[in-house]
């Protein structure tokens, strides 16, 4: 449809509708379903977090899932349909909201348990560990492609989880 949108505005409208429908069904509707109104008129969402929810050891979240609420920007940095879902989350007066990123947690645990000096060194160096591993796998010194990085992630997670 993206290719057809250069010839007519309708395909672009269909793509935009799909994005908005996805936002509504995946994020907005569950928030409305699980919101509780307080006596003050404010609404709160109290999701359930579980430590046993995944094979990876990460926390899972449900009712609703707040771990994948999209950022304001789309793939190319453009505004994501003008809807900024994260803006609905605000702290009560005197309180703060915290956000945690479990980026590369599995590899960090693997490095700790295995004590592999090369893997530990990559972690200590910082940066994108999946890209560093892709460079080793593909025997490259220069930048790797997003596809090569994704393939390296599959190798890493396949090694960890079988």
N, C-alpha and C. Protein backbone atom coordinates (compact mmCIF):
# COMPACT_ATOMS: atom_id res chain seq x y z
N UNK A 1 0.82 -1.20 0.00
CA UNK A 1 0.00 0.00 0.00
C UNK A 1 0.86 1.27 0.00
N UNK A 2 2.01 1.18 0.69
CA UNK A 2 2.89 2.34 0.74
C UNK A 2 3.31 2.74 -0.68
N UNK A 3 3.61 1.75 -1.52
CA UNK A 3 4.02 2.03 -2.90
C UNK A 3 2.89 2.65 -3.70
N UNK A 4 1.67 2.21 -3.44
CA UNK A 4 0.52 2.74 -4.18
C UNK A 4 0.14 4.15 -3.75
N UNK A 5 0.55 4.55 -2.56
CA UNK A 5 0.14 5.86 -2.05
C UNK A 5 0.73 7.02 -2.84
N UNK A 6 1.74 6.77 -3.67
CA UNK A 6 2.27 7.85 -4.52
C UNK A 6 1.30 8.16 -5.66
N UNK A 7 0.41 7.22 -5.96
CA UNK A 7 -0.53 7.41 -7.06
C UNK A 7 -1.89 7.92 -6.61
N UNK A 8 -2.23 7.66 -5.34
CA UNK A 8 -3.55 8.06 -4.86
C UNK A 8 -3.49 8.14 -3.33
N UNK A 9 -4.23 9.07 -2.70
CA UNK A 9 -4.18 9.20 -1.24
C UNK A 9 -4.89 8.08 -0.48
N UNK A 10 -5.74 7.29 -1.14
CA UNK A 10 -6.50 6.27 -0.43
C UNK A 10 -5.62 5.21 0.26
N UNK A 11 -4.61 4.65 -0.40
CA UNK A 11 -3.78 3.65 0.29
C UNK A 11 -3.13 4.21 1.56
N UNK A 12 -2.72 5.46 1.53
CA UNK A 12 -2.13 6.08 2.73
C UNK A 12 -3.18 6.19 3.83
N UNK A 13 -4.41 6.51 3.46
CA UNK A 13 -5.50 6.58 4.45
C UNK A 13 -5.76 5.20 5.06
N UNK A 14 -5.67 4.15 4.27
CA UNK A 14 -5.86 2.79 4.79
C UNK A 14 -4.75 2.45 5.78
N UNK A 15 -3.51 2.79 5.43
CA UNK A 15 -2.39 2.53 6.34
C UNK A 15 -2.55 3.30 7.65
N UNK A 16 -2.96 4.54 7.56
CA UNK A 16 -3.17 5.35 8.76
C UNK A 16 -4.30 4.77 9.61
N UNK A 17 -5.38 4.35 8.97
CA UNK A 17 -6.49 3.72 9.69
C UNK A 17 -6.02 2.47 10.42
N UNK A 18 -5.21 1.65 9.76
CA UNK A 18 -4.70 0.43 10.39
C UNK A 18 -3.88 0.74 11.63
N UNK A 19 -3.03 1.77 11.55
CA UNK A 19 -2.22 2.17 12.71
C UNK A 19 -3.12 2.59 13.87
N UNK A 20 -4.10 3.42 13.56
CA UNK A 20 -5.00 3.92 14.60
C UNK A 20 -5.84 2.78 15.18
N UNK A 21 -6.32 1.88 14.33
CA UNK A 21 -7.10 0.73 14.81
C UNK A 21 -6.25 -0.15 15.72
N UNK A 22 -4.98 -0.33 15.37
CA UNK A 22 -4.07 -1.13 16.19
C UNK A 22 -3.86 -0.45 17.55
N UNK A 23 -3.64 0.85 17.55
CA UNK A 23 -3.49 1.59 18.81
C UNK A 23 -4.73 1.44 19.68
N UNK A 24 -5.89 1.57 19.05
CA UNK A 24 -7.15 1.47 19.80
C UNK A 24 -7.34 0.09 20.41
N UNK A 25 -7.18 -0.96 19.60
CA UNK A 25 -7.47 -2.31 20.09
C UNK A 25 -6.41 -2.84 21.05
N UNK A 26 -5.16 -2.48 20.82
CA UNK A 26 -4.07 -3.03 21.63
C UNK A 26 -3.78 -2.21 22.88
N UNK A 27 -3.96 -0.90 22.83
CA UNK A 27 -3.54 -0.05 23.94
C UNK A 27 -4.70 0.72 24.59
N UNK A 28 -5.48 1.42 23.81
CA UNK A 28 -6.51 2.28 24.38
C UNK A 28 -7.65 1.48 25.01
N UNK A 29 -8.20 0.51 24.29
CA UNK A 29 -9.32 -0.29 24.82
C UNK A 29 -8.95 -1.02 26.11
N UNK A 30 -7.78 -1.68 26.20
CA UNK A 30 -7.43 -2.33 27.47
C UNK A 30 -7.26 -1.33 28.62
N UNK A 31 -6.74 -0.14 28.34
CA UNK A 31 -6.62 0.87 29.40
C UNK A 31 -7.99 1.26 29.92
N UNK A 32 -8.92 1.50 29.01
CA UNK A 32 -10.28 1.88 29.42
C UNK A 32 -10.95 0.74 30.17
N UNK A 33 -10.73 -0.49 29.73
CA UNK A 33 -11.34 -1.65 30.38
C UNK A 33 -10.85 -1.84 31.81
N UNK A 34 -9.58 -1.56 32.05
CA UNK A 34 -8.99 -1.84 33.37
C UNK A 34 -8.86 -0.60 34.26
N UNK A 35 -9.30 0.56 33.78
CA UNK A 35 -9.20 1.77 34.58
C UNK A 35 -10.26 1.76 35.68
N UNK A 36 -9.86 2.24 36.84
CA UNK A 36 -10.76 2.35 37.99
C UNK A 36 -10.89 3.83 38.34
N UNK A 37 -12.12 4.29 38.51
CA UNK A 37 -12.32 5.70 38.87
C UNK A 37 -12.22 5.84 40.38
N UNK A 38 -11.43 6.82 40.81
CA UNK A 38 -11.28 7.13 42.23
C UNK A 38 -12.35 8.14 42.64
N UNK A 39 -12.60 8.29 43.95
CA UNK A 39 -13.58 9.29 44.40
C UNK A 39 -13.26 10.71 43.91
N UNK A 40 -11.98 10.99 43.68
CA UNK A 40 -11.57 12.31 43.21
C UNK A 40 -11.93 12.54 41.75
N UNK A 41 -12.33 11.48 41.06
CA UNK A 41 -12.61 11.60 39.63
C UNK A 41 -11.45 11.17 38.76
N UNK A 42 -10.27 11.03 39.36
CA UNK A 42 -9.11 10.55 38.61
C UNK A 42 -9.29 9.07 38.31
N UNK A 43 -8.65 8.61 37.29
CA UNK A 43 -8.69 7.20 36.93
C UNK A 43 -7.30 6.59 37.11
N UNK A 44 -7.27 5.37 37.62
CA UNK A 44 -5.99 4.67 37.81
C UNK A 44 -6.06 3.31 37.14
N UNK A 45 -4.89 2.85 36.75
CA UNK A 45 -4.74 1.51 36.20
C UNK A 45 -3.72 0.81 37.08
N UNK A 46 -4.09 -0.34 37.58
CA UNK A 46 -3.19 -1.12 38.44
C UNK A 46 -2.96 -2.48 37.80
N UNK A 47 -1.96 -2.57 36.94
CA UNK A 47 -1.72 -3.84 36.25
C UNK A 47 -1.15 -4.89 37.20
N UNK A 48 -1.17 -6.13 36.74
CA UNK A 48 -0.58 -7.24 37.50
C UNK A 48 0.78 -7.56 36.91
N UNK A 49 1.78 -7.62 37.76
CA UNK A 49 3.12 -8.02 37.34
C UNK A 49 3.40 -9.41 37.89
N UNK A 50 4.07 -10.23 37.09
CA UNK A 50 4.36 -11.60 37.50
C UNK A 50 5.81 -11.93 37.20
N UNK A 51 6.49 -12.53 38.17
CA UNK A 51 7.87 -12.96 37.96
C UNK A 51 7.93 -14.31 37.27
N UNK A 52 6.83 -15.03 37.23
CA UNK A 52 6.81 -16.36 36.61
C UNK A 52 6.17 -16.33 35.23
N UNK A 53 5.96 -15.15 34.68
CA UNK A 53 5.19 -15.04 33.44
C UNK A 53 5.93 -15.37 32.17
N UNK A 54 7.26 -15.47 32.20
CA UNK A 54 8.01 -15.75 30.98
C UNK A 54 9.09 -16.79 31.25
N UNK A 55 9.55 -17.44 30.19
CA UNK A 55 10.66 -18.38 30.31
C UNK A 55 11.99 -17.66 30.50
N UNK A 56 12.02 -16.38 30.14
CA UNK A 56 13.28 -15.64 30.15
C UNK A 56 13.63 -15.07 31.52
N UNK A 57 12.69 -15.11 32.47
CA UNK A 57 12.95 -14.52 33.78
C UNK A 57 12.53 -13.07 33.87
N UNK A 58 12.10 -12.49 32.77
CA UNK A 58 11.63 -11.11 32.81
C UNK A 58 10.25 -11.06 33.45
N UNK A 59 9.93 -9.91 33.99
CA UNK A 59 8.58 -9.70 34.51
C UNK A 59 7.60 -9.69 33.34
N UNK A 60 6.41 -10.21 33.58
CA UNK A 60 5.34 -10.04 32.61
C UNK A 60 4.30 -9.13 33.24
N UNK A 61 3.50 -8.51 32.42
CA UNK A 61 2.51 -7.55 32.89
C UNK A 61 1.19 -7.83 32.18
N UNK A 62 0.09 -7.76 32.94
CA UNK A 62 -1.22 -7.99 32.33
C UNK A 62 -2.27 -7.15 33.04
N UNK A 63 -3.40 -7.06 32.40
CA UNK A 63 -4.60 -6.39 32.93
C UNK A 63 -4.39 -4.93 33.29
N UNK A 64 -3.94 -4.12 32.35
CA UNK A 64 -3.45 -4.35 31.00
C UNK A 64 -1.92 -4.48 30.97
N UNK A 65 -1.41 -4.89 29.81
CA UNK A 65 0.04 -4.98 29.63
C UNK A 65 0.58 -3.57 29.39
N UNK A 66 1.42 -3.09 30.29
CA UNK A 66 2.00 -1.76 30.14
C UNK A 66 3.47 -1.82 29.72
N UNK A 67 3.95 -3.00 29.37
CA UNK A 67 5.36 -3.14 29.03
C UNK A 67 5.66 -2.87 27.56
N UNK A 68 4.66 -2.66 26.75
CA UNK A 68 4.94 -2.40 25.34
C UNK A 68 4.14 -1.21 24.81
N UNK A 69 3.84 -0.26 25.66
CA UNK A 69 3.13 0.94 25.23
C UNK A 69 4.06 1.71 24.29
N UNK A 70 3.60 2.04 23.09
CA UNK A 70 4.50 2.64 22.10
C UNK A 70 4.96 4.04 22.48
N UNK A 71 6.15 4.34 22.00
CA UNK A 71 6.67 5.70 22.15
C UNK A 71 5.92 6.59 21.17
N UNK A 72 6.18 7.88 21.27
CA UNK A 72 5.46 8.85 20.44
C UNK A 72 5.86 8.77 18.97
N UNK A 73 6.97 8.18 18.68
CA UNK A 73 7.50 8.22 17.32
C UNK A 73 7.36 6.88 16.62
N UNK A 74 7.17 6.94 15.33
CA UNK A 74 7.09 5.74 14.51
C UNK A 74 8.46 5.28 14.07
N UNK A 75 8.49 4.39 13.09
CA UNK A 75 9.73 3.77 12.65
C UNK A 75 10.74 4.78 12.14
N UNK A 76 10.31 5.73 11.34
CA UNK A 76 11.23 6.69 10.75
C UNK A 76 11.36 7.98 11.55
N UNK A 77 10.91 7.98 12.80
CA UNK A 77 10.98 9.18 13.62
C UNK A 77 9.75 10.05 13.49
N UNK A 78 8.84 9.69 12.57
CA UNK A 78 7.64 10.51 12.40
C UNK A 78 6.69 10.28 13.56
N UNK A 79 5.83 11.26 13.79
CA UNK A 79 4.86 11.11 14.87
C UNK A 79 3.94 9.94 14.55
N UNK A 80 3.65 9.13 15.55
CA UNK A 80 2.87 7.91 15.36
C UNK A 80 1.40 8.25 15.39
N UNK A 81 0.83 8.63 14.26
CA UNK A 81 -0.59 8.93 14.09
C UNK A 81 -1.07 10.09 14.96
N UNK A 82 -0.18 10.87 15.52
CA UNK A 82 -0.60 11.99 16.34
C UNK A 82 -1.10 11.59 17.71
N UNK A 83 -1.09 10.30 18.01
CA UNK A 83 -1.59 9.80 19.29
C UNK A 83 -0.40 9.42 20.16
N UNK A 84 -0.29 10.03 21.32
CA UNK A 84 0.83 9.75 22.21
C UNK A 84 0.29 9.05 23.45
N UNK A 85 0.19 7.74 23.37
CA UNK A 85 -0.43 6.93 24.42
C UNK A 85 0.25 7.15 25.77
N UNK A 86 1.56 7.27 25.78
CA UNK A 86 2.28 7.40 27.05
C UNK A 86 1.92 8.67 27.81
N UNK A 87 1.36 9.66 27.13
CA UNK A 87 0.99 10.90 27.80
C UNK A 87 -0.16 10.73 28.79
N UNK A 88 -0.90 9.62 28.72
CA UNK A 88 -2.01 9.42 29.66
C UNK A 88 -1.52 8.99 31.04
N UNK A 89 -0.27 8.58 31.14
CA UNK A 89 0.26 8.11 32.42
C UNK A 89 0.93 9.27 33.15
N UNK A 90 0.36 9.65 34.28
CA UNK A 90 0.93 10.72 35.10
C UNK A 90 0.96 10.26 36.55
N UNK A 91 1.90 10.77 37.29
CA UNK A 91 2.02 10.41 38.70
C UNK A 91 1.08 11.28 39.53
N UNK A 92 0.67 10.73 40.67
CA UNK A 92 -0.09 11.53 41.62
C UNK A 92 0.83 12.62 42.17
N UNK A 93 0.27 13.73 42.67
CA UNK A 93 1.10 14.79 43.24
C UNK A 93 2.03 14.22 44.32
N UNK A 94 3.30 14.58 44.23
CA UNK A 94 4.29 14.11 45.20
C UNK A 94 4.85 12.74 44.88
N UNK A 95 4.36 12.10 43.83
CA UNK A 95 4.83 10.77 43.43
C UNK A 95 5.59 10.88 42.11
N UNK A 96 6.30 9.83 41.75
CA UNK A 96 7.02 9.78 40.48
C UNK A 96 6.71 8.46 39.77
N UNK A 97 6.85 8.48 38.46
CA UNK A 97 6.75 7.25 37.67
C UNK A 97 8.16 6.79 37.34
N UNK A 98 8.37 5.50 37.33
CA UNK A 98 9.68 4.94 36.98
C UNK A 98 9.52 4.06 35.75
N UNK A 99 10.53 4.07 34.92
CA UNK A 99 10.54 3.24 33.73
C UNK A 99 11.82 2.42 33.74
N UNK A 100 11.71 1.14 33.44
CA UNK A 100 12.86 0.25 33.46
C UNK A 100 13.03 -0.41 32.10
N UNK A 101 14.26 -0.49 31.65
CA UNK A 101 14.57 -1.12 30.38
C UNK A 101 15.39 -2.37 30.65
N UNK A 102 14.85 -3.50 30.27
CA UNK A 102 15.54 -4.77 30.49
C UNK A 102 16.43 -5.14 29.30
N UNK A 103 16.86 -4.15 28.57
CA UNK A 103 17.65 -4.37 27.37
C UNK A 103 18.83 -5.29 27.63
N UNK A 104 18.92 -6.34 26.82
CA UNK A 104 20.05 -7.27 26.85
C UNK A 104 20.23 -7.98 28.18
N UNK A 105 19.14 -8.07 28.98
CA UNK A 105 19.24 -8.71 30.29
C UNK A 105 19.68 -10.17 30.18
N UNK A 106 19.10 -10.90 29.22
CA UNK A 106 19.43 -12.32 29.10
C UNK A 106 20.92 -12.52 28.85
N UNK A 107 21.50 -11.68 27.99
CA UNK A 107 22.93 -11.81 27.70
C UNK A 107 23.75 -11.46 28.93
N UNK A 108 23.30 -10.48 29.70
CA UNK A 108 24.01 -10.13 30.93
C UNK A 108 24.03 -11.29 31.90
N UNK A 109 22.90 -11.98 32.04
CA UNK A 109 22.83 -13.15 32.92
C UNK A 109 23.73 -14.26 32.38
N UNK A 110 23.69 -14.49 31.06
CA UNK A 110 24.54 -15.51 30.44
C UNK A 110 26.02 -15.21 30.69
N UNK A 111 26.42 -13.96 30.54
CA UNK A 111 27.82 -13.58 30.76
C UNK A 111 28.21 -13.82 32.21
N UNK A 112 27.32 -13.49 33.13
CA UNK A 112 27.60 -13.68 34.56
C UNK A 112 27.74 -15.17 34.89
N UNK A 113 26.80 -15.98 34.41
CA UNK A 113 26.81 -17.41 34.73
C UNK A 113 27.98 -18.12 34.04
N UNK A 114 28.21 -17.80 32.77
CA UNK A 114 29.25 -18.51 32.01
C UNK A 114 30.66 -17.99 32.31
N UNK A 115 30.73 -16.75 32.77
CA UNK A 115 32.02 -16.09 33.01
C UNK A 115 32.91 -16.09 31.77
N UNK A 116 32.27 -16.05 30.60
CA UNK A 116 33.01 -15.99 29.35
C UNK A 116 33.70 -14.64 29.25
N UNK A 117 35.05 -14.62 29.21
CA UNK A 117 35.76 -13.34 29.24
C UNK A 117 35.43 -12.43 28.06
N UNK A 118 35.22 -13.01 26.88
CA UNK A 118 34.91 -12.18 25.71
C UNK A 118 33.53 -11.53 25.86
N UNK A 119 32.56 -12.32 26.32
CA UNK A 119 31.21 -11.80 26.51
C UNK A 119 31.18 -10.76 27.62
N UNK A 120 31.87 -11.03 28.72
CA UNK A 120 31.95 -10.07 29.82
C UNK A 120 32.61 -8.78 29.33
N UNK A 121 33.66 -8.91 28.53
CA UNK A 121 34.34 -7.73 27.98
C UNK A 121 33.42 -6.90 27.10
N UNK A 122 32.62 -7.57 26.28
CA UNK A 122 31.66 -6.85 25.43
C UNK A 122 30.65 -6.09 26.28
N UNK A 123 30.18 -6.72 27.34
CA UNK A 123 29.22 -6.05 28.22
C UNK A 123 29.85 -4.83 28.88
N UNK A 124 31.07 -5.00 29.35
CA UNK A 124 31.74 -3.87 30.02
C UNK A 124 32.01 -2.73 29.06
N UNK A 125 32.23 -3.05 27.79
CA UNK A 125 32.50 -2.00 26.80
C UNK A 125 31.25 -1.18 26.51
N UNK A 126 30.09 -1.75 26.81
CA UNK A 126 28.84 -1.03 26.58
C UNK A 126 28.43 -1.04 25.13
N UNK A 127 27.39 -0.32 24.82
CA UNK A 127 26.90 -0.26 23.46
C UNK A 127 25.93 -1.38 23.15
N UNK A 128 25.72 -1.59 21.88
CA UNK A 128 24.76 -2.58 21.39
C UNK A 128 25.43 -3.94 21.33
N UNK A 129 25.14 -4.76 22.31
CA UNK A 129 25.78 -6.07 22.41
C UNK A 129 25.40 -6.98 21.24
N UNK A 130 24.16 -6.91 20.79
CA UNK A 130 23.75 -7.75 19.66
C UNK A 130 24.54 -7.38 18.41
N UNK A 131 24.80 -6.10 18.21
CA UNK A 131 25.59 -5.67 17.06
C UNK A 131 27.04 -6.14 17.20
N UNK A 132 27.59 -6.07 18.41
CA UNK A 132 28.95 -6.55 18.63
C UNK A 132 29.06 -8.04 18.34
N UNK A 133 28.08 -8.81 18.79
CA UNK A 133 28.08 -10.25 18.55
C UNK A 133 27.93 -10.53 17.05
N UNK A 134 27.10 -9.75 16.37
CA UNK A 134 26.94 -9.92 14.92
C UNK A 134 28.27 -9.69 14.21
N UNK A 135 29.05 -8.72 14.64
CA UNK A 135 30.36 -8.47 14.02
C UNK A 135 31.27 -9.68 14.20
N UNK A 136 31.21 -10.32 15.37
CA UNK A 136 32.02 -11.52 15.61
C UNK A 136 31.51 -12.66 14.72
N UNK A 137 30.20 -12.88 14.71
CA UNK A 137 29.62 -13.98 13.93
C UNK A 137 29.89 -13.83 12.44
N UNK A 138 29.79 -12.60 11.93
CA UNK A 138 29.97 -12.36 10.50
C UNK A 138 31.40 -11.95 10.16
N UNK A 139 32.28 -11.99 11.17
CA UNK A 139 33.70 -11.64 10.99
C UNK A 139 33.85 -10.30 10.28
N UNK A 140 33.21 -9.28 10.85
CA UNK A 140 33.23 -7.94 10.28
C UNK A 140 33.80 -6.96 11.28
N UNK A 141 34.48 -5.95 10.78
CA UNK A 141 34.94 -4.85 11.63
C UNK A 141 34.05 -3.63 11.41
N UNK A 142 33.50 -3.52 10.20
CA UNK A 142 32.65 -2.37 9.89
C UNK A 142 31.23 -2.62 10.40
N UNK A 143 30.38 -1.66 10.17
CA UNK A 143 29.00 -1.75 10.64
C UNK A 143 28.28 -2.95 10.02
N UNK A 144 27.34 -3.47 10.76
CA UNK A 144 26.53 -4.58 10.28
C UNK A 144 25.14 -4.06 9.93
N UNK A 145 24.40 -4.84 9.17
CA UNK A 145 23.06 -4.42 8.76
C UNK A 145 22.05 -4.78 9.85
N UNK A 146 20.88 -4.14 9.84
CA UNK A 146 19.84 -4.53 10.80
C UNK A 146 19.47 -6.01 10.69
N UNK A 147 19.49 -6.55 9.48
CA UNK A 147 19.17 -7.98 9.30
C UNK A 147 20.24 -8.85 9.96
N UNK A 148 21.52 -8.49 9.82
CA UNK A 148 22.60 -9.25 10.45
C UNK A 148 22.48 -9.18 11.97
N UNK A 149 22.12 -8.01 12.48
CA UNK A 149 21.93 -7.87 13.93
C UNK A 149 20.80 -8.78 14.41
N UNK A 150 19.71 -8.81 13.65
CA UNK A 150 18.57 -9.65 14.00
C UNK A 150 18.96 -11.13 13.97
N UNK A 151 19.75 -11.53 12.98
CA UNK A 151 20.21 -12.92 12.91
C UNK A 151 21.09 -13.26 14.11
N UNK A 152 21.93 -12.33 14.52
CA UNK A 152 22.78 -12.55 15.70
C UNK A 152 21.91 -12.71 16.95
N UNK A 153 20.85 -11.92 17.06
CA UNK A 153 19.94 -12.06 18.21
C UNK A 153 19.33 -13.46 18.24
N UNK A 154 18.94 -13.95 17.05
CA UNK A 154 18.36 -15.30 17.00
C UNK A 154 19.37 -16.36 17.45
N UNK A 155 20.62 -16.19 17.05
CA UNK A 155 21.66 -17.13 17.47
C UNK A 155 21.84 -17.07 18.99
N UNK A 156 21.90 -15.85 19.53
CA UNK A 156 22.09 -15.68 20.97
C UNK A 156 20.94 -16.32 21.74
N UNK A 157 19.71 -15.98 21.37
CA UNK A 157 18.56 -16.51 22.11
C UNK A 157 18.38 -18.00 21.87
N UNK A 158 18.75 -18.47 20.68
CA UNK A 158 18.72 -19.91 20.43
C UNK A 158 19.72 -20.64 21.31
N UNK A 159 20.87 -20.02 21.54
CA UNK A 159 21.89 -20.60 22.42
C UNK A 159 21.40 -20.62 23.87
N UNK A 160 20.77 -19.54 24.28
CA UNK A 160 20.31 -19.43 25.67
C UNK A 160 19.14 -20.37 25.93
N UNK A 161 18.15 -20.37 25.05
CA UNK A 161 16.90 -21.08 25.32
C UNK A 161 16.73 -22.38 24.55
N UNK A 162 17.67 -22.67 23.64
CA UNK A 162 17.60 -23.94 22.90
C UNK A 162 16.69 -23.92 21.72
